[in-house]
Amino acid sequence: MGTESSSSVASTIFGIILLIILVLPTFLLSRITKIEHDDFHDQWEKDGRPHGMPFWFPLKEMSALGFRSYPWFVGTWWLFKTPEWTKNHETAAKLLRYYRIVSYLVYSGLIGVCLLLLLSAPR
């Protein structure tokens, strides 16, 4: 009975850590897009009015059909290219750096799990 209990606790802890790791990039992207909206509104418009789903929505700019752009397009682009507006905004630059680190860790972990599953599959 002790093994089942410790296994359940370990699974719960692993699940909580995994949830935090998967939610963290979304939270960071929400914060970055909010800064872009609030402090660099013209650039936010040019980027297609991204929003930080599900943590932040610019309610004033919502149309009946929703937004013109999906936030992950901009978020994916920001993984590889630093927007000019972040270079002089200390908080945005720091959040972008954290967003990149966490996203790279998540993607690396997903690729690693896929490789392990492929390599361990019976032949």
N, C-alpha and C. Protein backbone atom coordinates (compact mmCIF):
# COMPACT_ATOMS: atom_id res chain seq x y z
N MET A 1 0.82 -1.18 0.00
CA MET A 1 0.00 0.00 0.00
C MET A 1 0.87 1.26 0.00
N GLY A 2 2.05 1.22 0.59
CA GLY A 2 2.95 2.36 0.64
C GLY A 2 3.46 2.75 -0.73
N THR A 3 3.70 1.76 -1.59
CA THR A 3 4.19 2.04 -2.94
C THR A 3 3.14 2.76 -3.76
N GLU A 4 1.88 2.33 -3.65
CA GLU A 4 0.80 2.98 -4.39
C GLU A 4 0.63 4.42 -3.93
N SER A 5 0.75 4.66 -2.63
CA SER A 5 0.57 6.00 -2.08
C SER A 5 1.70 6.92 -2.54
N SER A 6 2.94 6.45 -2.49
CA SER A 6 4.06 7.29 -2.91
C SER A 6 4.04 7.51 -4.42
N SER A 7 3.57 6.52 -5.16
CA SER A 7 3.44 6.67 -6.61
C SER A 7 2.38 7.72 -6.95
N SER A 8 1.29 7.72 -6.19
CA SER A 8 0.22 8.69 -6.40
C SER A 8 0.71 10.11 -6.08
N VAL A 9 1.46 10.25 -5.01
CA VAL A 9 2.00 11.56 -4.63
C VAL A 9 2.98 12.05 -5.70
N ALA A 10 3.84 11.16 -6.17
CA ALA A 10 4.81 11.52 -7.21
C ALA A 10 4.10 11.93 -8.49
N SER A 11 3.05 11.21 -8.85
CA SER A 11 2.28 11.56 -10.05
C SER A 11 1.61 12.92 -9.91
N THR A 12 1.08 13.19 -8.73
CA THR A 12 0.44 14.48 -8.48
C THR A 12 1.45 15.61 -8.56
N ILE A 13 2.60 15.44 -7.95
CA ILE A 13 3.65 16.47 -7.99
C ILE A 13 4.11 16.68 -9.42
N PHE A 14 4.34 15.60 -10.16
CA PHE A 14 4.75 15.70 -11.56
C PHE A 14 3.69 16.45 -12.38
N GLY A 15 2.43 16.14 -12.15
CA GLY A 15 1.33 16.80 -12.86
C GLY A 15 1.28 18.29 -12.57
N ILE A 16 1.48 18.68 -11.32
CA ILE A 16 1.46 20.09 -10.95
C ILE A 16 2.63 20.83 -11.60
N ILE A 17 3.82 20.22 -11.56
CA ILE A 17 4.99 20.83 -12.18
C ILE A 17 4.79 20.96 -13.69
N LEU A 18 4.26 19.93 -14.32
CA LEU A 18 4.00 19.97 -15.76
C LEU A 18 3.00 21.06 -16.11
N LEU A 19 1.95 21.20 -15.32
CA LEU A 19 0.95 22.23 -15.56
C LEU A 19 1.57 23.63 -15.46
N ILE A 20 2.39 23.84 -14.45
CA ILE A 20 3.07 25.14 -14.29
C ILE A 20 3.96 25.42 -15.49
N ILE A 21 4.72 24.42 -15.92
CA ILE A 21 5.63 24.60 -17.05
C ILE A 21 4.86 24.89 -18.33
N LEU A 22 3.73 24.26 -18.52
CA LEU A 22 2.95 24.48 -19.74
C LEU A 22 2.19 25.81 -19.72
N VAL A 23 1.80 26.29 -18.54
CA VAL A 23 1.04 27.52 -18.43
C VAL A 23 1.96 28.75 -18.42
N LEU A 24 3.18 28.60 -17.94
CA LEU A 24 4.08 29.73 -17.79
C LEU A 24 4.36 30.49 -19.10
N PRO A 25 4.63 29.82 -20.23
CA PRO A 25 4.84 30.60 -21.46
C PRO A 25 3.60 31.41 -21.85
N THR A 26 2.42 30.86 -21.65
CA THR A 26 1.18 31.57 -21.97
C THR A 26 1.03 32.80 -21.09
N PHE A 27 1.33 32.65 -19.82
CA PHE A 27 1.26 33.78 -18.89
C PHE A 27 2.25 34.87 -19.28
N LEU A 28 3.49 34.47 -19.60
CA LEU A 28 4.51 35.45 -19.98
C LEU A 28 4.12 36.17 -21.28
N LEU A 29 3.59 35.43 -22.25
CA LEU A 29 3.15 36.04 -23.50
C LEU A 29 2.02 37.04 -23.23
N SER A 30 1.13 36.71 -22.32
CA SER A 30 0.05 37.64 -21.95
C SER A 30 0.61 38.94 -21.40
N ARG A 31 1.59 38.84 -20.54
CA ARG A 31 2.21 40.04 -19.96
C ARG A 31 2.89 40.88 -21.03
N ILE A 32 3.59 40.23 -21.96
CA ILE A 32 4.30 40.97 -23.01
C ILE A 32 3.31 41.67 -23.94
N THR A 33 2.26 40.97 -24.35
CA THR A 33 1.29 41.60 -25.25
C THR A 33 0.53 42.73 -24.56
N LYS A 34 0.32 42.63 -23.26
CA LYS A 34 -0.32 43.72 -22.52
C LYS A 34 0.58 44.95 -22.51
N ILE A 35 1.88 44.75 -22.31
CA ILE A 35 2.82 45.88 -22.35
C ILE A 35 2.81 46.51 -23.75
N GLU A 36 2.82 45.67 -24.79
CA GLU A 36 2.80 46.21 -26.14
C GLU A 36 1.52 47.02 -26.37
N HIS A 37 0.39 46.50 -25.91
CA HIS A 37 -0.89 47.19 -26.06
C HIS A 37 -0.89 48.52 -25.31
N ASP A 38 -0.43 48.50 -24.07
CA ASP A 38 -0.50 49.70 -23.23
C ASP A 38 0.53 50.76 -23.59
N ASP A 39 1.75 50.34 -23.90
CA ASP A 39 2.84 51.30 -24.07
C ASP A 39 3.27 51.52 -25.53
N PHE A 40 2.93 50.60 -26.41
CA PHE A 40 3.33 50.69 -27.82
C PHE A 40 2.14 50.33 -28.70
N HIS A 41 1.07 51.07 -28.52
CA HIS A 41 -0.21 50.72 -29.14
C HIS A 41 -0.14 50.66 -30.67
N ASP A 42 0.60 51.57 -31.29
CA ASP A 42 0.71 51.55 -32.76
C ASP A 42 1.36 50.26 -33.24
N GLN A 43 2.40 49.82 -32.54
CA GLN A 43 3.06 48.57 -32.92
C GLN A 43 2.14 47.38 -32.66
N TRP A 44 1.36 47.45 -31.58
CA TRP A 44 0.39 46.39 -31.27
C TRP A 44 -0.61 46.25 -32.41
N GLU A 45 -1.06 47.39 -32.96
CA GLU A 45 -1.97 47.37 -34.10
C GLU A 45 -1.29 46.73 -35.31
N LYS A 46 -0.03 47.10 -35.59
CA LYS A 46 0.70 46.55 -36.73
C LYS A 46 0.92 45.04 -36.59
N ASP A 47 1.06 44.57 -35.35
CA ASP A 47 1.27 43.14 -35.10
C ASP A 47 -0.02 42.33 -35.20
N GLY A 48 -1.12 43.01 -35.51
CA GLY A 48 -2.39 42.29 -35.66
C GLY A 48 -3.22 42.25 -34.40
N ARG A 49 -2.93 43.14 -33.45
CA ARG A 49 -3.68 43.23 -32.19
C ARG A 49 -3.67 41.92 -31.41
N PRO A 50 -2.48 41.37 -31.13
CA PRO A 50 -2.45 40.11 -30.37
C PRO A 50 -2.95 40.31 -28.95
N HIS A 51 -3.47 39.25 -28.39
CA HIS A 51 -3.95 39.28 -27.01
C HIS A 51 -3.31 38.13 -26.27
N GLY A 52 -3.29 38.23 -24.96
CA GLY A 52 -2.62 37.23 -24.14
C GLY A 52 -3.57 36.19 -23.63
N MET A 53 -4.04 35.35 -24.49
CA MET A 53 -4.98 34.30 -24.13
C MET A 53 -4.36 33.34 -23.12
N PRO A 54 -4.98 32.94 -22.07
CA PRO A 54 -6.28 33.35 -21.56
C PRO A 54 -6.17 34.37 -20.44
N PHE A 55 -5.00 34.95 -20.25
CA PHE A 55 -4.78 35.80 -19.07
C PHE A 55 -5.08 37.27 -19.27
N TRP A 56 -5.15 37.73 -20.52
CA TRP A 56 -5.40 39.15 -20.74
C TRP A 56 -6.07 39.36 -22.09
N PHE A 57 -7.16 40.11 -22.08
CA PHE A 57 -7.88 40.48 -23.30
C PHE A 57 -8.12 41.98 -23.27
N PRO A 58 -7.76 42.71 -24.33
CA PRO A 58 -8.07 44.14 -24.38
C PRO A 58 -9.53 44.35 -24.76
N LEU A 59 -10.39 44.40 -23.78
CA LEU A 59 -11.83 44.39 -24.02
C LEU A 59 -12.32 45.52 -24.92
N LYS A 60 -11.71 46.69 -24.83
CA LYS A 60 -12.14 47.81 -25.66
C LYS A 60 -11.96 47.51 -27.14
N GLU A 61 -10.91 46.77 -27.48
CA GLU A 61 -10.60 46.52 -28.89
C GLU A 61 -11.29 45.29 -29.46
N MET A 62 -12.01 44.56 -28.65
CA MET A 62 -12.68 43.37 -29.16
C MET A 62 -13.82 43.75 -30.08
N SER A 63 -13.90 43.08 -31.21
CA SER A 63 -15.04 43.30 -32.11
C SER A 63 -16.03 42.17 -31.87
N ALA A 64 -17.13 42.23 -32.58
CA ALA A 64 -18.14 41.18 -32.43
C ALA A 64 -17.58 39.82 -32.84
N LEU A 65 -16.62 39.83 -33.75
CA LEU A 65 -16.04 38.57 -34.23
C LEU A 65 -14.76 38.21 -33.49
N GLY A 66 -14.36 39.00 -32.53
CA GLY A 66 -13.14 38.70 -31.79
C GLY A 66 -11.96 39.50 -32.32
N PHE A 67 -10.79 38.89 -32.31
CA PHE A 67 -9.56 39.57 -32.67
C PHE A 67 -9.15 39.25 -34.10
N ARG A 68 -8.31 40.10 -34.66
CA ARG A 68 -7.81 39.87 -36.01
C ARG A 68 -6.66 38.87 -36.03
N SER A 69 -6.02 38.67 -34.92
CA SER A 69 -4.82 37.83 -34.94
C SER A 69 -4.81 36.88 -33.75
N TYR A 70 -4.21 35.76 -33.95
CA TYR A 70 -4.05 34.79 -32.87
C TYR A 70 -2.73 35.08 -32.17
N PRO A 71 -2.69 35.11 -30.84
CA PRO A 71 -1.49 35.56 -30.14
C PRO A 71 -0.28 34.68 -30.36
N TRP A 72 -0.48 33.40 -30.64
CA TRP A 72 0.68 32.51 -30.74
C TRP A 72 1.51 32.78 -31.99
N PHE A 73 0.90 33.38 -33.03
CA PHE A 73 1.70 33.73 -34.20
C PHE A 73 2.78 34.73 -33.81
N VAL A 74 2.37 35.78 -33.10
CA VAL A 74 3.33 36.78 -32.64
C VAL A 74 4.29 36.15 -31.63
N GLY A 75 3.75 35.33 -30.74
CA GLY A 75 4.59 34.68 -29.74
C GLY A 75 5.64 33.78 -30.36
N THR A 76 5.29 33.08 -31.42
CA THR A 76 6.26 32.24 -32.11
C THR A 76 7.31 33.10 -32.79
N TRP A 77 6.88 34.17 -33.41
CA TRP A 77 7.81 35.08 -34.07
C TRP A 77 8.79 35.67 -33.05
N TRP A 78 8.28 36.03 -31.87
CA TRP A 78 9.13 36.63 -30.84
C TRP A 78 10.13 35.65 -30.24
N LEU A 79 9.95 34.36 -30.46
CA LEU A 79 10.96 33.40 -30.00
C LEU A 79 12.28 33.59 -30.75
N PHE A 80 12.21 34.10 -31.98
CA PHE A 80 13.39 34.19 -32.83
C PHE A 80 13.80 35.61 -33.18
N LYS A 81 12.90 36.56 -33.07
CA LYS A 81 13.20 37.94 -33.44
C LYS A 81 12.76 38.86 -32.30
N THR A 82 13.66 39.73 -31.89
CA THR A 82 13.37 40.66 -30.81
C THR A 82 12.70 41.91 -31.38
N PRO A 83 11.48 42.21 -30.96
CA PRO A 83 10.82 43.42 -31.44
C PRO A 83 11.58 44.67 -30.98
N GLU A 84 11.63 45.66 -31.84
CA GLU A 84 12.34 46.91 -31.52
C GLU A 84 11.82 47.54 -30.23
N TRP A 85 10.50 47.51 -30.04
CA TRP A 85 9.92 48.20 -28.90
C TRP A 85 10.35 47.61 -27.56
N THR A 86 10.81 46.36 -27.54
CA THR A 86 11.24 45.75 -26.28
C THR A 86 12.65 46.17 -25.88
N LYS A 87 13.42 46.66 -26.83
CA LYS A 87 14.84 46.97 -26.56
C LYS A 87 15.02 48.10 -25.56
N ASN A 88 14.06 49.01 -25.48
CA ASN A 88 14.16 50.13 -24.54
C ASN A 88 13.16 50.03 -23.40
N HIS A 89 12.57 48.86 -23.25
CA HIS A 89 11.59 48.64 -22.17
C HIS A 89 12.12 47.49 -21.32
N GLU A 90 12.65 47.83 -20.16
CA GLU A 90 13.34 46.84 -19.33
C GLU A 90 12.46 45.65 -18.95
N THR A 91 11.23 45.93 -18.54
CA THR A 91 10.33 44.84 -18.13
C THR A 91 9.99 43.94 -19.31
N ALA A 92 9.67 44.54 -20.45
CA ALA A 92 9.33 43.74 -21.63
C ALA A 92 10.52 42.89 -22.08
N ALA A 93 11.72 43.47 -22.04
CA ALA A 93 12.92 42.71 -22.44
C ALA A 93 13.15 41.54 -21.49
N LYS A 94 12.95 41.75 -20.21
CA LYS A 94 13.14 40.67 -19.23
C LYS A 94 12.09 39.58 -19.41
N LEU A 95 10.83 39.98 -19.59
CA LEU A 95 9.76 39.00 -19.80
C LEU A 95 9.98 38.22 -21.09
N LEU A 96 10.45 38.89 -22.15
CA LEU A 96 10.72 38.21 -23.41
C LEU A 96 11.84 37.18 -23.24
N ARG A 97 12.86 37.54 -22.48
CA ARG A 97 13.95 36.60 -22.21
C ARG A 97 13.43 35.37 -21.45
N TYR A 98 12.61 35.58 -20.42
CA TYR A 98 12.02 34.47 -19.66
C TYR A 98 11.11 33.63 -20.55
N TYR A 99 10.31 34.31 -21.38
CA TYR A 99 9.40 33.62 -22.30
C TYR A 99 10.18 32.69 -23.23
N ARG A 100 11.28 33.19 -23.76
CA ARG A 100 12.11 32.37 -24.65
C ARG A 100 12.70 31.17 -23.93
N ILE A 101 13.26 31.39 -22.76
CA ILE A 101 13.88 30.29 -22.00
C ILE A 101 12.86 29.21 -21.68
N VAL A 102 11.71 29.61 -21.13
CA VAL A 102 10.68 28.64 -20.75
C VAL A 102 10.13 27.93 -21.99
N SER A 103 9.90 28.67 -23.07
CA SER A 103 9.38 28.05 -24.29
C SER A 103 10.37 27.05 -24.86
N TYR A 104 11.64 27.41 -24.90
CA TYR A 104 12.66 26.47 -25.41
C TYR A 104 12.71 25.22 -24.54
N LEU A 105 12.57 25.39 -23.22
CA LEU A 105 12.57 24.22 -22.34
C LEU A 105 11.35 23.34 -22.60
N VAL A 106 10.19 23.95 -22.77
CA VAL A 106 8.97 23.19 -23.05
C VAL A 106 9.11 22.43 -24.36
N TYR A 107 9.54 23.13 -25.42
CA TYR A 107 9.67 22.48 -26.73
C TYR A 107 10.74 21.38 -26.70
N SER A 108 11.84 21.64 -26.01
CA SER A 108 12.89 20.61 -25.89
C SER A 108 12.37 19.39 -25.16
N GLY A 109 11.61 19.62 -24.10
CA GLY A 109 11.03 18.51 -23.36
C GLY A 109 10.06 17.70 -24.20
N LEU A 110 9.23 18.39 -24.98
CA LEU A 110 8.28 17.68 -25.85
C LEU A 110 9.00 16.87 -26.92
N ILE A 111 10.04 17.45 -27.50
CA ILE A 111 10.82 16.71 -28.50
C ILE A 111 11.51 15.52 -27.85
N GLY A 112 12.04 15.72 -26.64
CA GLY A 112 12.69 14.62 -25.92
C GLY A 112 11.74 13.48 -25.62
N VAL A 113 10.54 13.81 -25.17
CA VAL A 113 9.53 12.77 -24.89
C VAL A 113 9.17 12.03 -26.16
N CYS A 114 8.98 12.76 -27.26
CA CYS A 114 8.65 12.11 -28.54
C CYS A 114 9.77 11.17 -28.98
N LEU A 115 11.01 11.62 -28.85
CA LEU A 115 12.15 10.78 -29.22
C LEU A 115 12.22 9.53 -28.34
N LEU A 116 12.00 9.70 -27.04
CA LEU A 116 12.00 8.55 -26.14
C LEU A 116 10.91 7.55 -26.52
N LEU A 117 9.74 8.06 -26.83
CA LEU A 117 8.65 7.17 -27.22
C LEU A 117 8.97 6.45 -28.53
N LEU A 118 9.55 7.15 -29.48
CA LEU A 118 9.91 6.53 -30.75
C LEU A 118 11.00 5.47 -30.58
N LEU A 119 12.00 5.80 -29.78
CA LEU A 119 13.12 4.89 -29.60
C LEU A 119 12.78 3.68 -28.73
N SER A 120 11.80 3.85 -27.85
CA SER A 120 11.44 2.76 -26.96
C SER A 120 10.30 1.90 -27.51
N ALA A 121 9.76 2.27 -28.64
CA ALA A 121 8.64 1.52 -29.22
C ALA A 121 9.16 0.13 -29.68
N PRO A 122 8.36 -0.92 -29.42
CA PRO A 122 8.78 -2.26 -29.85
C PRO A 122 8.83 -2.31 -31.38
N ARG A 123 9.78 -3.09 -31.86
CA ARG A 123 9.96 -3.21 -33.33
C ARG A 123 9.60 -4.57 -33.80
